[in-house]
Amino acid sequence: MTAAAGSAALLFGAFVFQALGYAPCAMCIWQRYPHAIAIGMGALLLFTLPILPILIIGTLSALSTSALGVFHTGVERGWWEGPTSCTGSGLDVSQMSVSELLPSASSSASTLVLCDEVVWEFLTLSMASWNAILSGVLACLWLVAIARHQKIRWRGVADVS
């Protein structure tokens, strides 16, 4: 439950940053989906369902958003290329509309954010980097929950013998 609450806090934090004007890029959005899954797994733990599969899915969710954060950090730092759909490289302007080329010409506010640009950082780490680190910690919490569950399960088997 603690790890699911951690995912909820990180997801809430992402929405707060968005409300403060830090529009998310495509890769930022990708990192939110596993957090939502982890939150759902935490909610499922409230019911009497098979616990181990829920814990495994929660762990995999935290690991996947952490991995996405590492990948996103690498794209931001120029360690490797990111998807051409959200980075400055490979942008095919010949296929873009006027409103995409000149966001100020459209009637709606522009929220074009490239995945290879850092829009906010703390202690030299971007939001993607912080997500990678904190989600890695959450994955460890999920793993601890699995270990505790297995220990209790094995203790119950030993008591029956």
N, C-alpha and C. Protein backbone atom coordinates (compact mmCIF):
# COMPACT_ATOMS: atom_id res chain seq x y z
N MET A 1 0.82 -1.20 0.00
CA MET A 1 0.00 0.00 0.00
C MET A 1 0.87 1.27 0.00
N THR A 2 2.00 1.22 0.70
CA THR A 2 2.87 2.39 0.76
C THR A 2 3.40 2.74 -0.63
N ALA A 3 3.79 1.71 -1.40
CA ALA A 3 4.31 1.95 -2.74
C ALA A 3 3.24 2.53 -3.65
N ALA A 4 2.01 2.05 -3.53
CA ALA A 4 0.91 2.59 -4.33
C ALA A 4 0.64 4.04 -3.94
N ALA A 5 0.73 4.34 -2.66
CA ALA A 5 0.56 5.72 -2.20
C ALA A 5 1.69 6.60 -2.73
N GLY A 6 2.89 6.04 -2.83
CA GLY A 6 4.01 6.77 -3.41
C GLY A 6 3.76 7.10 -4.87
N SER A 7 3.21 6.14 -5.61
CA SER A 7 2.85 6.41 -7.02
C SER A 7 1.79 7.49 -7.10
N ALA A 8 0.84 7.45 -6.18
CA ALA A 8 -0.20 8.48 -6.17
C ALA A 8 0.42 9.85 -5.91
N ALA A 9 1.38 9.90 -5.00
CA ALA A 9 2.04 11.17 -4.69
C ALA A 9 2.82 11.69 -5.90
N LEU A 10 3.53 10.80 -6.59
CA LEU A 10 4.29 11.22 -7.76
C LEU A 10 3.37 11.69 -8.88
N LEU A 11 2.28 10.97 -9.07
CA LEU A 11 1.32 11.36 -10.10
C LEU A 11 0.66 12.70 -9.74
N PHE A 12 0.31 12.86 -8.48
CA PHE A 12 -0.24 14.14 -8.01
C PHE A 12 0.76 15.27 -8.24
N GLY A 13 2.03 15.00 -7.93
CA GLY A 13 3.07 16.00 -8.15
C GLY A 13 3.19 16.39 -9.61
N ALA A 14 3.06 15.41 -10.50
CA ALA A 14 3.11 15.70 -11.94
C ALA A 14 1.97 16.63 -12.34
N PHE A 15 0.79 16.37 -11.79
CA PHE A 15 -0.36 17.23 -12.10
C PHE A 15 -0.20 18.63 -11.51
N VAL A 16 0.44 18.73 -10.35
CA VAL A 16 0.70 20.05 -9.75
C VAL A 16 1.65 20.83 -10.66
N PHE A 17 2.74 20.18 -11.11
CA PHE A 17 3.67 20.86 -12.01
C PHE A 17 2.95 21.30 -13.28
N GLN A 18 2.06 20.46 -13.79
CA GLN A 18 1.31 20.81 -14.98
C GLN A 18 0.43 22.03 -14.72
N ALA A 19 -0.21 22.06 -13.56
CA ALA A 19 -1.05 23.20 -13.20
C ALA A 19 -0.24 24.48 -13.05
N LEU A 20 1.03 24.33 -12.68
CA LEU A 20 1.92 25.50 -12.53
C LEU A 20 2.48 25.98 -13.87
N GLY A 21 2.08 25.30 -14.96
CA GLY A 21 2.51 25.75 -16.27
C GLY A 21 3.59 24.93 -16.93
N TYR A 22 4.03 23.86 -16.30
CA TYR A 22 5.04 22.97 -16.89
C TYR A 22 4.32 21.88 -17.67
N ALA A 23 4.05 22.15 -18.93
CA ALA A 23 3.32 21.20 -19.76
C ALA A 23 4.17 19.94 -19.96
N PRO A 24 3.55 18.76 -19.91
CA PRO A 24 4.32 17.52 -20.08
C PRO A 24 4.58 17.22 -21.56
N CYS A 25 5.70 16.59 -21.82
CA CYS A 25 5.98 16.10 -23.16
C CYS A 25 5.36 14.70 -23.28
N ALA A 26 5.47 14.11 -24.45
CA ALA A 26 4.89 12.78 -24.67
C ALA A 26 5.49 11.73 -23.73
N MET A 27 6.80 11.77 -23.54
CA MET A 27 7.44 10.77 -22.68
C MET A 27 7.05 10.97 -21.22
N CYS A 28 6.78 12.20 -20.83
CA CYS A 28 6.30 12.46 -19.46
C CYS A 28 4.95 11.78 -19.26
N ILE A 29 4.10 11.89 -20.26
CA ILE A 29 2.78 11.26 -20.18
C ILE A 29 2.93 9.74 -20.10
N TRP A 30 3.85 9.18 -20.88
CA TRP A 30 4.07 7.72 -20.85
C TRP A 30 4.42 7.26 -19.45
N GLN A 31 5.19 8.08 -18.72
CA GLN A 31 5.62 7.70 -17.38
C GLN A 31 4.47 7.72 -16.36
N ARG A 32 3.37 8.35 -16.70
CA ARG A 32 2.24 8.42 -15.78
C ARG A 32 1.40 7.14 -15.78
N TYR A 33 1.31 6.47 -16.91
CA TYR A 33 0.46 5.27 -17.00
C TYR A 33 0.84 4.17 -16.00
N PRO A 34 2.13 3.82 -15.88
CA PRO A 34 2.47 2.79 -14.90
C PRO A 34 2.14 3.20 -13.46
N HIS A 35 2.24 4.50 -13.17
CA HIS A 35 1.85 4.96 -11.83
C HIS A 35 0.36 4.71 -11.59
N ALA A 36 -0.44 4.96 -12.60
CA ALA A 36 -1.88 4.71 -12.47
C ALA A 36 -2.15 3.23 -12.24
N ILE A 37 -1.41 2.37 -12.92
CA ILE A 37 -1.57 0.92 -12.72
C ILE A 37 -1.17 0.54 -11.30
N ALA A 38 -0.06 1.08 -10.82
CA ALA A 38 0.38 0.79 -9.44
C ALA A 38 -0.65 1.25 -8.42
N ILE A 39 -1.25 2.40 -8.66
CA ILE A 39 -2.30 2.88 -7.75
C ILE A 39 -3.48 1.91 -7.76
N GLY A 40 -3.83 1.44 -8.94
CA GLY A 40 -4.92 0.45 -9.05
C GLY A 40 -4.59 -0.84 -8.32
N MET A 41 -3.34 -1.27 -8.40
CA MET A 41 -2.94 -2.49 -7.69
C MET A 41 -3.02 -2.29 -6.18
N GLY A 42 -2.65 -1.11 -5.73
CA GLY A 42 -2.78 -0.81 -4.31
C GLY A 42 -4.22 -0.85 -3.85
N ALA A 43 -5.12 -0.35 -4.70
CA ALA A 43 -6.55 -0.39 -4.37
C ALA A 43 -7.05 -1.84 -4.34
N LEU A 44 -6.55 -2.66 -5.24
CA LEU A 44 -6.97 -4.07 -5.26
C LEU A 44 -6.51 -4.83 -4.02
N LEU A 45 -5.44 -4.36 -3.40
CA LEU A 45 -4.96 -5.02 -2.18
C LEU A 45 -5.96 -4.90 -1.03
N LEU A 46 -6.90 -3.98 -1.15
CA LEU A 46 -7.93 -3.81 -0.12
C LEU A 46 -8.95 -4.94 -0.15
N PHE A 47 -8.99 -5.66 -1.25
CA PHE A 47 -9.95 -6.76 -1.39
C PHE A 47 -9.25 -8.09 -1.18
N THR A 48 -10.00 -9.11 -0.90
CA THR A 48 -9.42 -10.44 -0.69
C THR A 48 -9.25 -11.13 -2.04
N LEU A 49 -8.24 -10.70 -2.74
CA LEU A 49 -7.88 -11.27 -4.03
C LEU A 49 -6.52 -11.95 -3.87
N PRO A 50 -6.12 -12.75 -4.84
CA PRO A 50 -4.75 -13.30 -4.77
C PRO A 50 -3.73 -12.17 -4.71
N ILE A 51 -2.99 -12.13 -3.63
CA ILE A 51 -2.10 -10.99 -3.36
C ILE A 51 -0.85 -11.00 -4.23
N LEU A 52 -0.23 -12.15 -4.42
CA LEU A 52 1.05 -12.19 -5.13
C LEU A 52 0.98 -11.60 -6.54
N PRO A 53 -0.01 -11.96 -7.36
CA PRO A 53 -0.05 -11.34 -8.70
C PRO A 53 -0.19 -9.81 -8.65
N ILE A 54 -0.94 -9.32 -7.69
CA ILE A 54 -1.11 -7.88 -7.53
C ILE A 54 0.22 -7.23 -7.18
N LEU A 55 0.96 -7.85 -6.28
CA LEU A 55 2.27 -7.32 -5.89
C LEU A 55 3.25 -7.35 -7.06
N ILE A 56 3.19 -8.39 -7.85
CA ILE A 56 4.09 -8.51 -9.01
C ILE A 56 3.76 -7.43 -10.03
N ILE A 57 2.48 -7.22 -10.31
CA ILE A 57 2.09 -6.18 -11.27
C ILE A 57 2.48 -4.80 -10.75
N GLY A 58 2.31 -4.55 -9.47
CA GLY A 58 2.73 -3.28 -8.88
C GLY A 58 4.23 -3.06 -9.04
N THR A 59 5.00 -4.13 -8.80
CA THR A 59 6.46 -4.05 -8.95
C THR A 59 6.82 -3.73 -10.39
N LEU A 60 6.23 -4.46 -11.33
CA LEU A 60 6.53 -4.25 -12.74
C LEU A 60 6.12 -2.85 -13.20
N SER A 61 5.04 -2.34 -12.65
CA SER A 61 4.61 -0.97 -12.98
C SER A 61 5.65 0.05 -12.52
N ALA A 62 6.10 -0.10 -11.29
CA ALA A 62 7.10 0.83 -10.76
C ALA A 62 8.42 0.71 -11.53
N LEU A 63 8.80 -0.51 -11.86
CA LEU A 63 10.03 -0.71 -12.63
C LEU A 63 9.91 -0.11 -14.02
N SER A 64 8.74 -0.25 -14.63
CA SER A 64 8.59 0.26 -16.00
C SER A 64 8.62 1.79 -16.04
N THR A 65 7.98 2.46 -15.08
CA THR A 65 8.03 3.92 -15.09
C THR A 65 9.43 4.41 -14.73
N SER A 66 10.14 3.66 -13.89
CA SER A 66 11.52 4.01 -13.59
C SER A 66 12.39 3.87 -14.84
N ALA A 67 12.19 2.79 -15.58
CA ALA A 67 12.96 2.57 -16.82
C ALA A 67 12.63 3.66 -17.84
N LEU A 68 11.36 4.02 -17.95
CA LEU A 68 10.99 5.12 -18.85
C LEU A 68 11.66 6.43 -18.43
N GLY A 69 11.75 6.64 -17.12
CA GLY A 69 12.42 7.84 -16.61
C GLY A 69 13.90 7.85 -16.95
N VAL A 70 14.54 6.69 -16.85
CA VAL A 70 15.96 6.58 -17.23
C VAL A 70 16.12 6.86 -18.72
N PHE A 71 15.25 6.26 -19.53
CA PHE A 71 15.31 6.48 -20.98
C PHE A 71 15.09 7.96 -21.30
N HIS A 72 14.10 8.57 -20.67
CA HIS A 72 13.80 9.98 -20.90
C HIS A 72 14.98 10.85 -20.48
N THR A 73 15.60 10.53 -19.35
CA THR A 73 16.77 11.27 -18.89
C THR A 73 17.88 11.19 -19.92
N GLY A 74 18.10 10.00 -20.48
CA GLY A 74 19.12 9.84 -21.51
C GLY A 74 18.84 10.67 -22.74
N VAL A 75 17.57 10.77 -23.11
CA VAL A 75 17.17 11.59 -24.25
C VAL A 75 17.44 13.06 -23.93
N GLU A 76 17.08 13.49 -22.72
CA GLU A 76 17.30 14.89 -22.32
C GLU A 76 18.78 15.24 -22.30
N ARG A 77 19.61 14.32 -21.87
CA ARG A 77 21.05 14.57 -21.74
C ARG A 77 21.82 14.33 -23.04
N GLY A 78 21.12 13.81 -24.05
CA GLY A 78 21.78 13.55 -25.32
C GLY A 78 22.60 12.27 -25.35
N TRP A 79 22.34 11.36 -24.40
CA TRP A 79 23.07 10.09 -24.36
C TRP A 79 22.62 9.17 -25.49
N TRP A 80 21.37 9.29 -25.88
CA TRP A 80 20.81 8.52 -26.99
C TRP A 80 19.64 9.29 -27.57
N GLU A 81 19.21 8.88 -28.75
CA GLU A 81 18.11 9.57 -29.41
C GLU A 81 16.77 9.08 -28.87
N GLY A 82 15.84 9.98 -28.82
CA GLY A 82 14.49 9.64 -28.42
C GLY A 82 13.60 9.50 -29.63
N PRO A 83 12.33 9.30 -29.39
CA PRO A 83 11.39 9.20 -30.51
C PRO A 83 11.36 10.51 -31.31
N THR A 84 11.38 10.40 -32.62
CA THR A 84 11.38 11.61 -33.44
C THR A 84 10.08 12.39 -33.32
N SER A 85 9.05 11.74 -32.81
CA SER A 85 7.76 12.43 -32.67
C SER A 85 7.77 13.49 -31.58
N CYS A 86 8.75 13.44 -30.67
CA CYS A 86 8.75 14.44 -29.59
C CYS A 86 10.13 15.01 -29.30
N THR A 87 11.05 14.89 -30.23
CA THR A 87 12.37 15.50 -30.06
C THR A 87 12.63 16.45 -31.21
N GLY A 88 13.66 17.25 -31.06
CA GLY A 88 14.00 18.20 -32.10
C GLY A 88 14.58 17.55 -33.34
N SER A 89 15.06 16.32 -33.23
CA SER A 89 15.65 15.66 -34.39
C SER A 89 14.58 14.99 -35.22
N GLY A 90 14.76 15.02 -36.50
CA GLY A 90 13.86 14.31 -37.39
C GLY A 90 12.51 14.98 -37.57
N LEU A 91 12.40 16.25 -37.23
CA LEU A 91 11.13 16.94 -37.36
C LEU A 91 10.91 17.28 -38.83
N ASP A 92 9.86 16.77 -39.41
CA ASP A 92 9.55 16.99 -40.81
C ASP A 92 8.56 18.15 -40.91
N VAL A 93 9.12 19.35 -41.12
CA VAL A 93 8.28 20.53 -41.15
C VAL A 93 7.39 20.58 -42.39
N SER A 94 7.74 19.83 -43.42
CA SER A 94 6.93 19.87 -44.64
C SER A 94 5.55 19.26 -44.42
N GLN A 95 5.40 18.43 -43.40
CA GLN A 95 4.13 17.78 -43.11
C GLN A 95 3.34 18.46 -41.99
N MET A 96 3.88 19.58 -41.48
CA MET A 96 3.23 20.25 -40.35
C MET A 96 2.23 21.29 -40.83
N SER A 97 1.18 21.48 -40.06
CA SER A 97 0.18 22.50 -40.37
C SER A 97 0.68 23.87 -39.93
N VAL A 98 -0.02 24.91 -40.36
CA VAL A 98 0.35 26.28 -39.99
C VAL A 98 0.30 26.46 -38.48
N SER A 99 -0.71 25.89 -37.83
CA SER A 99 -0.84 26.07 -36.37
C SER A 99 0.28 25.33 -35.63
N GLU A 100 0.81 24.25 -36.22
CA GLU A 100 1.94 23.56 -35.60
C GLU A 100 3.23 24.35 -35.81
N LEU A 101 3.38 24.96 -36.98
CA LEU A 101 4.58 25.75 -37.26
C LEU A 101 4.57 27.08 -36.51
N LEU A 102 3.40 27.69 -36.40
CA LEU A 102 3.26 28.98 -35.73
C LEU A 102 2.19 28.86 -34.65
N PRO A 103 2.57 28.31 -33.49
CA PRO A 103 1.58 28.11 -32.44
C PRO A 103 0.85 29.37 -32.03
N SER A 104 1.52 30.52 -32.12
CA SER A 104 0.86 31.77 -31.72
C SER A 104 -0.23 32.18 -32.70
N ALA A 105 -0.21 31.60 -33.91
CA ALA A 105 -1.23 31.92 -34.90
C ALA A 105 -2.53 31.17 -34.64
N SER A 106 -2.48 30.11 -33.85
CA SER A 106 -3.70 29.37 -33.58
C SER A 106 -4.46 30.02 -32.43
N SER A 107 -5.73 29.68 -32.32
CA SER A 107 -6.56 30.29 -31.28
C SER A 107 -6.32 29.68 -29.90
N SER A 108 -5.78 28.46 -29.85
CA SER A 108 -5.54 27.82 -28.56
C SER A 108 -4.09 28.02 -28.12
N ALA A 109 -3.88 27.91 -26.82
CA ALA A 109 -2.53 28.07 -26.28
C ALA A 109 -1.65 26.90 -26.69
N SER A 110 -0.41 27.20 -26.97
CA SER A 110 0.53 26.17 -27.40
C SER A 110 1.12 25.45 -26.19
N THR A 111 1.18 24.15 -26.27
CA THR A 111 1.79 23.37 -25.20
C THR A 111 2.80 22.40 -25.79
N LEU A 112 3.44 22.79 -26.90
CA LEU A 112 4.44 21.95 -27.53
C LEU A 112 5.66 21.87 -26.64
N VAL A 113 5.95 20.68 -26.14
CA VAL A 113 7.10 20.46 -25.30
C VAL A 113 7.90 19.32 -25.91
N LEU A 114 9.16 19.57 -26.18
CA LEU A 114 10.01 18.54 -26.75
C LEU A 114 10.58 17.67 -25.65
N CYS A 115 10.68 16.37 -25.93
CA CYS A 115 11.16 15.41 -24.93
C CYS A 115 12.65 15.54 -24.64
N ASP A 116 13.39 16.18 -25.53
CA ASP A 116 14.83 16.30 -25.31
C ASP A 116 15.23 17.63 -24.68
N GLU A 117 14.26 18.36 -24.15
CA GLU A 117 14.53 19.61 -23.45
C GLU A 117 14.12 19.49 -21.98
N VAL A 118 14.99 19.93 -21.11
CA VAL A 118 14.69 19.92 -19.68
C VAL A 118 13.99 21.24 -19.35
N VAL A 119 12.75 21.16 -18.87
CA VAL A 119 12.00 22.38 -18.55
C VAL A 119 12.08 22.74 -17.07
N TRP A 120 12.49 21.80 -16.24
CA TRP A 120 12.61 22.04 -14.80
C TRP A 120 13.63 21.06 -14.25
N GLU A 121 14.44 21.52 -13.32
CA GLU A 121 15.38 20.61 -12.65
C GLU A 121 15.63 21.07 -11.22
N PHE A 122 16.00 20.10 -10.40
CA PHE A 122 16.32 20.34 -9.00
C PHE A 122 17.55 19.51 -8.68
N LEU A 123 18.57 20.14 -8.14
CA LEU A 123 19.85 19.48 -7.85
C LEU A 123 20.41 18.83 -9.12
N THR A 124 20.31 19.53 -10.21
CA THR A 124 20.76 19.14 -11.56
C THR A 124 20.03 17.94 -12.14
N LEU A 125 18.94 17.52 -11.53
CA LEU A 125 18.17 16.39 -12.04
C LEU A 125 16.81 16.87 -12.54
N SER A 126 16.42 16.39 -13.71
CA SER A 126 15.14 16.77 -14.31
C SER A 126 14.00 15.99 -13.65
N MET A 127 12.79 16.35 -14.03
CA MET A 127 11.62 15.61 -13.53
C MET A 127 11.70 14.14 -13.92
N ALA A 128 12.16 13.87 -15.13
CA ALA A 128 12.29 12.48 -15.57
C ALA A 128 13.30 11.73 -14.70
N SER A 129 14.40 12.40 -14.36
CA SER A 129 15.41 11.77 -13.51
C SER A 129 14.86 11.48 -12.12
N TRP A 130 14.13 12.45 -11.57
CA TRP A 130 13.53 12.25 -10.25
C TRP A 130 12.50 11.13 -10.28
N ASN A 131 11.74 11.07 -11.37
CA ASN A 131 10.77 9.97 -11.49
C ASN A 131 11.50 8.63 -11.53
N ALA A 132 12.61 8.56 -12.26
CA ALA A 132 13.37 7.31 -12.35
C ALA A 132 13.86 6.88 -10.97
N ILE A 133 14.42 7.81 -10.23
CA ILE A 133 14.96 7.49 -8.90
C ILE A 133 13.85 7.10 -7.93
N LEU A 134 12.85 7.95 -7.82
CA LEU A 134 11.78 7.70 -6.85
C LEU A 134 10.96 6.46 -7.21
N SER A 135 10.76 6.22 -8.49
CA SER A 135 10.04 5.02 -8.91
C SER A 135 10.87 3.77 -8.64
N GLY A 136 12.18 3.89 -8.74
CA GLY A 136 13.06 2.78 -8.36
C GLY A 136 12.92 2.44 -6.89
N VAL A 137 12.80 3.47 -6.06
CA VAL A 137 12.56 3.26 -4.62
C VAL A 137 11.21 2.57 -4.41
N LEU A 138 10.20 3.02 -5.15
CA LEU A 138 8.88 2.39 -5.04
C LEU A 138 8.92 0.93 -5.48
N ALA A 139 9.69 0.64 -6.52
CA ALA A 139 9.83 -0.75 -6.96
C ALA A 139 10.45 -1.60 -5.84
N CYS A 140 11.41 -1.03 -5.13
CA CYS A 140 12.01 -1.74 -3.99
C CYS A 140 10.97 -1.99 -2.90
N LEU A 141 10.10 -1.02 -2.66
CA LEU A 141 9.04 -1.22 -1.66
C LEU A 141 8.10 -2.34 -2.08
N TRP A 142 7.76 -2.38 -3.38
CA TRP A 142 6.92 -3.48 -3.87
C TRP A 142 7.64 -4.82 -3.68
N LEU A 143 8.95 -4.85 -3.94
CA LEU A 143 9.72 -6.09 -3.76
C LEU A 143 9.76 -6.52 -2.29
N VAL A 144 9.86 -5.55 -1.39
CA VAL A 144 9.81 -5.87 0.04
C VAL A 144 8.46 -6.47 0.39
N ALA A 145 7.40 -5.93 -0.19
CA ALA A 145 6.05 -6.47 0.06
C ALA A 145 5.96 -7.91 -0.44
N ILE A 146 6.55 -8.18 -1.59
CA ILE A 146 6.56 -9.56 -2.11
C ILE A 146 7.32 -10.47 -1.16
N ALA A 147 8.49 -10.02 -0.70
CA ALA A 147 9.29 -10.84 0.21
C ALA A 147 8.55 -11.11 1.51
N ARG A 148 7.89 -10.11 2.04
CA ARG A 148 7.12 -10.30 3.28
C ARG A 148 5.95 -11.26 3.06
N HIS A 149 5.29 -11.11 1.93
CA HIS A 149 4.18 -12.01 1.61
C HIS A 149 4.66 -13.45 1.50
N GLN A 150 5.78 -13.63 0.82
CA GLN A 150 6.32 -14.99 0.66
C GLN A 150 6.78 -15.56 2.00
N LYS A 151 7.36 -14.73 2.83
CA LYS A 151 7.81 -15.17 4.15
C LYS A 151 6.62 -15.63 4.99
N ILE A 152 5.55 -14.84 4.97
CA ILE A 152 4.34 -15.21 5.71
C ILE A 152 3.75 -16.49 5.13
N ARG A 153 3.75 -16.57 3.82
CA ARG A 153 3.21 -17.75 3.16
C ARG A 153 4.00 -19.00 3.51
N TRP A 154 5.34 -18.88 3.50
CA TRP A 154 6.18 -20.03 3.84
C TRP A 154 6.08 -20.37 5.32
N ARG A 155 5.92 -19.35 6.15
CA ARG A 155 5.76 -19.60 7.59
C ARG A 155 4.46 -20.38 7.83
N GLY A 156 3.41 -20.03 7.09
CA GLY A 156 2.14 -20.74 7.21
C GLY A 156 2.25 -22.18 6.76
N VAL A 157 3.04 -22.44 5.73
CA VAL A 157 3.26 -23.81 5.25
C VAL A 157 4.04 -24.60 6.30
N ALA A 158 5.03 -23.97 6.93
CA ALA A 158 5.84 -24.65 7.94
C ALA A 158 5.00 -24.98 9.19
N ASP A 159 4.05 -24.09 9.53
CA ASP A 159 3.20 -24.34 10.69
C ASP A 159 2.25 -25.49 10.48
N VAL A 160 1.85 -25.73 9.24
CA VAL A 160 0.93 -26.81 8.93
C VAL A 160 1.63 -28.17 9.03
N SER A 161 2.92 -28.20 8.68
CA SER A 161 3.67 -29.47 8.66
C SER A 161 3.85 -30.08 9.99
